[in-house]
Amino acid sequence: MNRLVLSARLIERGALRYTPAGLPALDFRLEHQSQLSEESQLRKVSLQVRAIAIGAITRSLAALSLGEAGTFAGFLSGTRNGRGLLFHVTSLG
């Protein structure tokens, strides 16, 4: 199963564009910070992730202000150049 749910803040958003199929697409970047327990030790977690939304979900993401937090859900894929991961956001809570 490939499913990711991440609490994060919107820190960067590109311009709305359209895929060759005519679907709206939005590239953006998310930042997550938390403290989690690993092997009974507290661990600080801080990360940024590149993300994309395609279709109707772009309206909800376009309405978010920079710095605003949300719960983003979707799946991971490789990038076109094969270097790194891309978070495909399919829902926002």
N, C-alpha and C. Protein backbone atom coordinates (compact mmCIF):
# COMPACT_ATOMS: atom_id res chain seq x y z
N MET A 1 0.84 -1.18 0.00
CA MET A 1 0.00 0.00 0.00
C MET A 1 0.89 1.24 0.00
N ASN A 2 0.51 2.24 -0.74
CA ASN A 2 1.25 3.50 -0.84
C ASN A 2 0.29 4.61 -0.44
N ARG A 3 0.31 4.98 0.84
CA ARG A 3 -0.60 6.01 1.37
C ARG A 3 0.18 6.83 2.39
N LEU A 4 0.10 8.14 2.25
CA LEU A 4 0.80 9.04 3.17
C LEU A 4 -0.18 10.07 3.69
N VAL A 5 -0.19 10.27 5.01
CA VAL A 5 -0.96 11.33 5.64
C VAL A 5 0.04 12.15 6.44
N LEU A 6 0.09 13.45 6.19
CA LEU A 6 1.10 14.30 6.78
C LEU A 6 0.49 15.60 7.27
N SER A 7 0.72 15.93 8.53
CA SER A 7 0.37 17.26 9.04
C SER A 7 1.52 18.18 8.69
N ALA A 8 1.22 19.26 7.99
CA ALA A 8 2.29 20.13 7.50
C ALA A 8 1.77 21.54 7.24
N ARG A 9 2.72 22.43 6.98
CA ARG A 9 2.41 23.81 6.61
C ARG A 9 2.78 24.02 5.16
N LEU A 10 1.96 24.80 4.46
CA LEU A 10 2.25 25.17 3.08
C LEU A 10 3.31 26.26 3.10
N ILE A 11 4.47 26.02 2.50
CA ILE A 11 5.54 27.02 2.54
C ILE A 11 5.88 27.60 1.17
N GLU A 12 5.39 26.96 0.11
CA GLU A 12 5.67 27.47 -1.24
C GLU A 12 4.61 26.93 -2.18
N ARG A 13 4.17 27.78 -3.11
CA ARG A 13 3.17 27.35 -4.07
C ARG A 13 3.47 27.95 -5.43
N GLY A 14 3.47 27.13 -6.46
CA GLY A 14 3.68 27.60 -7.82
C GLY A 14 2.38 28.12 -8.42
N ALA A 15 2.47 28.57 -9.63
CA ALA A 15 1.29 29.05 -10.35
C ALA A 15 0.46 27.87 -10.83
N LEU A 16 -0.85 28.05 -10.87
CA LEU A 16 -1.73 27.03 -11.39
C LEU A 16 -1.41 26.81 -12.87
N ARG A 17 -1.29 25.55 -13.25
CA ARG A 17 -1.01 25.21 -14.65
C ARG A 17 -1.97 24.10 -15.05
N TYR A 18 -1.90 23.68 -16.30
CA TYR A 18 -2.79 22.63 -16.78
C TYR A 18 -1.98 21.52 -17.44
N THR A 19 -2.40 20.28 -17.19
CA THR A 19 -1.74 19.13 -17.79
C THR A 19 -2.13 19.06 -19.27
N PRO A 20 -1.41 18.26 -20.07
CA PRO A 20 -1.81 18.09 -21.48
C PRO A 20 -3.26 17.60 -21.64
N ALA A 21 -3.77 16.92 -20.61
CA ALA A 21 -5.16 16.44 -20.64
C ALA A 21 -6.16 17.53 -20.23
N GLY A 22 -5.64 18.71 -19.88
CA GLY A 22 -6.51 19.81 -19.50
C GLY A 22 -6.89 19.88 -18.03
N LEU A 23 -6.27 19.06 -17.20
CA LEU A 23 -6.55 19.08 -15.76
C LEU A 23 -5.72 20.14 -15.07
N PRO A 24 -6.29 20.85 -14.09
CA PRO A 24 -5.49 21.82 -13.34
C PRO A 24 -4.45 21.09 -12.49
N ALA A 25 -3.26 21.67 -12.39
CA ALA A 25 -2.17 21.09 -11.61
C ALA A 25 -1.48 22.19 -10.82
N LEU A 26 -1.07 21.85 -9.60
CA LEU A 26 -0.44 22.82 -8.73
C LEU A 26 0.76 22.18 -8.05
N ASP A 27 1.94 22.76 -8.24
CA ASP A 27 3.16 22.31 -7.56
C ASP A 27 3.33 23.15 -6.30
N PHE A 28 3.74 22.51 -5.20
CA PHE A 28 3.92 23.23 -3.95
C PHE A 28 4.91 22.49 -3.06
N ARG A 29 5.25 23.10 -1.94
CA ARG A 29 6.19 22.52 -0.99
C ARG A 29 5.57 22.59 0.40
N LEU A 30 5.74 21.51 1.15
CA LEU A 30 5.21 21.41 2.50
C LEU A 30 6.35 21.26 3.50
N GLU A 31 6.11 21.74 4.73
CA GLU A 31 7.09 21.60 5.81
C GLU A 31 6.40 20.95 7.00
N HIS A 32 7.05 19.95 7.56
CA HIS A 32 6.53 19.23 8.73
C HIS A 32 7.56 19.31 9.85
N GLN A 33 7.08 19.56 11.08
CA GLN A 33 7.94 19.54 12.27
C GLN A 33 7.16 18.87 13.39
N SER A 34 7.82 17.95 14.08
CA SER A 34 7.18 17.27 15.21
C SER A 34 8.24 16.61 16.09
N GLN A 35 7.76 16.06 17.20
CA GLN A 35 8.59 15.22 18.06
C GLN A 35 7.90 13.88 18.16
N LEU A 36 8.63 12.82 17.89
CA LEU A 36 8.08 11.47 17.90
C LEU A 36 8.94 10.58 18.77
N SER A 37 8.35 9.50 19.24
CA SER A 37 9.08 8.54 20.05
C SER A 37 9.58 7.41 19.16
N GLU A 38 10.88 7.13 19.28
CA GLU A 38 11.49 6.02 18.55
C GLU A 38 12.36 5.26 19.53
N GLU A 39 12.02 3.99 19.76
CA GLU A 39 12.76 3.18 20.72
C GLU A 39 12.83 3.87 22.08
N SER A 40 11.71 4.40 22.52
CA SER A 40 11.57 5.08 23.82
C SER A 40 12.39 6.36 23.94
N GLN A 41 12.86 6.88 22.84
CA GLN A 41 13.61 8.14 22.82
C GLN A 41 12.84 9.16 22.00
N LEU A 42 12.78 10.41 22.50
CA LEU A 42 12.15 11.46 21.72
C LEU A 42 13.07 11.87 20.58
N ARG A 43 12.47 12.04 19.43
CA ARG A 43 13.23 12.43 18.25
C ARG A 43 12.53 13.60 17.57
N LYS A 44 13.30 14.65 17.30
CA LYS A 44 12.78 15.79 16.55
C LYS A 44 12.77 15.44 15.08
N VAL A 45 11.66 15.70 14.43
CA VAL A 45 11.53 15.44 13.00
C VAL A 45 11.21 16.76 12.31
N SER A 46 12.01 17.07 11.32
CA SER A 46 11.80 18.28 10.53
C SER A 46 12.10 17.95 9.09
N LEU A 47 11.14 18.20 8.19
CA LEU A 47 11.36 17.87 6.79
C LEU A 47 10.56 18.79 5.89
N GLN A 48 11.02 18.89 4.66
CA GLN A 48 10.29 19.56 3.60
C GLN A 48 10.09 18.55 2.49
N VAL A 49 8.94 18.63 1.84
CA VAL A 49 8.64 17.69 0.78
C VAL A 49 8.00 18.42 -0.40
N ARG A 50 8.44 18.05 -1.60
CA ARG A 50 7.83 18.57 -2.82
C ARG A 50 6.52 17.84 -3.03
N ALA A 51 5.50 18.58 -3.47
CA ALA A 51 4.18 17.98 -3.64
C ALA A 51 3.52 18.51 -4.91
N ILE A 52 2.52 17.76 -5.35
CA ILE A 52 1.73 18.15 -6.51
C ILE A 52 0.27 17.75 -6.26
N ALA A 53 -0.63 18.55 -6.78
CA ALA A 53 -2.05 18.22 -6.74
C ALA A 53 -2.58 18.36 -8.16
N ILE A 54 -3.42 17.44 -8.56
CA ILE A 54 -4.00 17.46 -9.90
C ILE A 54 -5.51 17.29 -9.78
N GLY A 55 -6.24 18.11 -10.51
CA GLY A 55 -7.70 18.00 -10.53
C GLY A 55 -8.38 18.94 -9.56
N ALA A 56 -9.55 18.54 -9.09
CA ALA A 56 -10.41 19.39 -8.26
C ALA A 56 -9.74 19.82 -6.95
N ILE A 57 -8.84 19.01 -6.40
CA ILE A 57 -8.17 19.34 -5.13
C ILE A 57 -7.35 20.63 -5.24
N THR A 58 -6.98 21.03 -6.45
CA THR A 58 -6.19 22.25 -6.61
C THR A 58 -6.93 23.47 -6.10
N ARG A 59 -8.26 23.48 -6.16
CA ARG A 59 -9.03 24.62 -5.65
C ARG A 59 -8.83 24.80 -4.16
N SER A 60 -8.89 23.70 -3.40
CA SER A 60 -8.69 23.77 -1.95
C SER A 60 -7.28 24.22 -1.61
N LEU A 61 -6.30 23.73 -2.35
CA LEU A 61 -4.90 24.11 -2.09
C LEU A 61 -4.63 25.55 -2.49
N ALA A 62 -5.24 26.02 -3.54
CA ALA A 62 -5.06 27.41 -3.97
C ALA A 62 -5.64 28.38 -2.94
N ALA A 63 -6.62 27.93 -2.17
CA ALA A 63 -7.26 28.78 -1.16
C ALA A 63 -6.44 28.86 0.14
N LEU A 64 -5.48 27.95 0.33
CA LEU A 64 -4.64 27.99 1.53
C LEU A 64 -3.66 29.16 1.47
N SER A 65 -3.47 29.81 2.59
CA SER A 65 -2.47 30.87 2.68
C SER A 65 -1.11 30.25 2.95
N LEU A 66 -0.05 30.90 2.48
CA LEU A 66 1.29 30.44 2.82
C LEU A 66 1.45 30.45 4.33
N GLY A 67 2.02 29.39 4.88
CA GLY A 67 2.19 29.26 6.31
C GLY A 67 1.04 28.54 6.99
N GLU A 68 -0.07 28.36 6.29
CA GLU A 68 -1.24 27.69 6.87
C GLU A 68 -1.00 26.20 6.96
N ALA A 69 -1.48 25.61 8.05
CA ALA A 69 -1.30 24.18 8.30
C ALA A 69 -2.53 23.40 7.87
N GLY A 70 -2.30 22.13 7.56
CA GLY A 70 -3.39 21.23 7.21
C GLY A 70 -2.92 19.80 7.29
N THR A 71 -3.85 18.89 7.07
CA THR A 71 -3.53 17.47 7.01
C THR A 71 -3.67 17.06 5.56
N PHE A 72 -2.57 16.69 4.96
CA PHE A 72 -2.49 16.37 3.54
C PHE A 72 -2.40 14.85 3.38
N ALA A 73 -3.19 14.29 2.48
CA ALA A 73 -3.18 12.85 2.27
C ALA A 73 -3.01 12.57 0.79
N GLY A 74 -2.35 11.46 0.49
CA GLY A 74 -2.14 11.07 -0.90
C GLY A 74 -1.17 9.92 -0.98
N PHE A 75 -0.31 9.96 -2.01
CA PHE A 75 0.64 8.86 -2.23
C PHE A 75 1.97 9.43 -2.72
N LEU A 76 3.00 8.61 -2.64
CA LEU A 76 4.35 8.99 -3.08
C LEU A 76 4.67 8.38 -4.43
N SER A 77 5.41 9.13 -5.22
CA SER A 77 5.96 8.60 -6.48
C SER A 77 7.38 9.12 -6.62
N GLY A 78 8.11 8.53 -7.54
CA GLY A 78 9.43 9.04 -7.87
C GLY A 78 9.29 10.26 -8.77
N THR A 79 10.31 11.10 -8.79
CA THR A 79 10.29 12.24 -9.69
C THR A 79 10.66 11.78 -11.10
N ARG A 80 10.39 12.61 -12.07
CA ARG A 80 10.66 12.23 -13.47
C ARG A 80 12.14 11.94 -13.72
N ASN A 81 13.01 12.68 -13.03
CA ASN A 81 14.44 12.46 -13.24
C ASN A 81 14.99 11.33 -12.35
N GLY A 82 14.11 10.73 -11.55
CA GLY A 82 14.52 9.61 -10.71
C GLY A 82 15.28 10.00 -9.46
N ARG A 83 15.33 11.29 -9.16
CA ARG A 83 16.05 11.75 -7.97
C ARG A 83 15.07 12.32 -6.96
N GLY A 84 14.73 11.52 -5.98
CA GLY A 84 13.85 11.97 -4.93
C GLY A 84 12.41 11.50 -5.09
N LEU A 85 11.58 11.98 -4.17
CA LEU A 85 10.19 11.59 -4.12
C LEU A 85 9.29 12.79 -4.34
N LEU A 86 8.07 12.52 -4.79
CA LEU A 86 7.06 13.55 -4.99
C LEU A 86 5.79 13.08 -4.31
N PHE A 87 5.22 13.93 -3.46
CA PHE A 87 4.00 13.65 -2.73
C PHE A 87 2.81 14.11 -3.57
N HIS A 88 2.00 13.18 -4.05
CA HIS A 88 0.79 13.50 -4.81
C HIS A 88 -0.36 13.65 -3.83
N VAL A 89 -0.80 14.86 -3.59
CA VAL A 89 -1.86 15.13 -2.61
C VAL A 89 -3.21 14.93 -3.29
N THR A 90 -4.03 14.07 -2.67
CA THR A 90 -5.36 13.79 -3.21
C THR A 90 -6.48 14.29 -2.32
N SER A 91 -6.16 14.63 -1.06
CA SER A 91 -7.18 15.20 -0.18
C SER A 91 -6.52 16.08 0.88
N LEU A 92 -7.31 17.01 1.38
CA LEU A 92 -6.84 17.98 2.36
C LEU A 92 -7.85 18.05 3.47
N GLY A 93 -7.36 17.88 4.71
CA GLY A 93 -8.27 17.91 5.86
C GLY A 93 -7.91 18.99 6.83
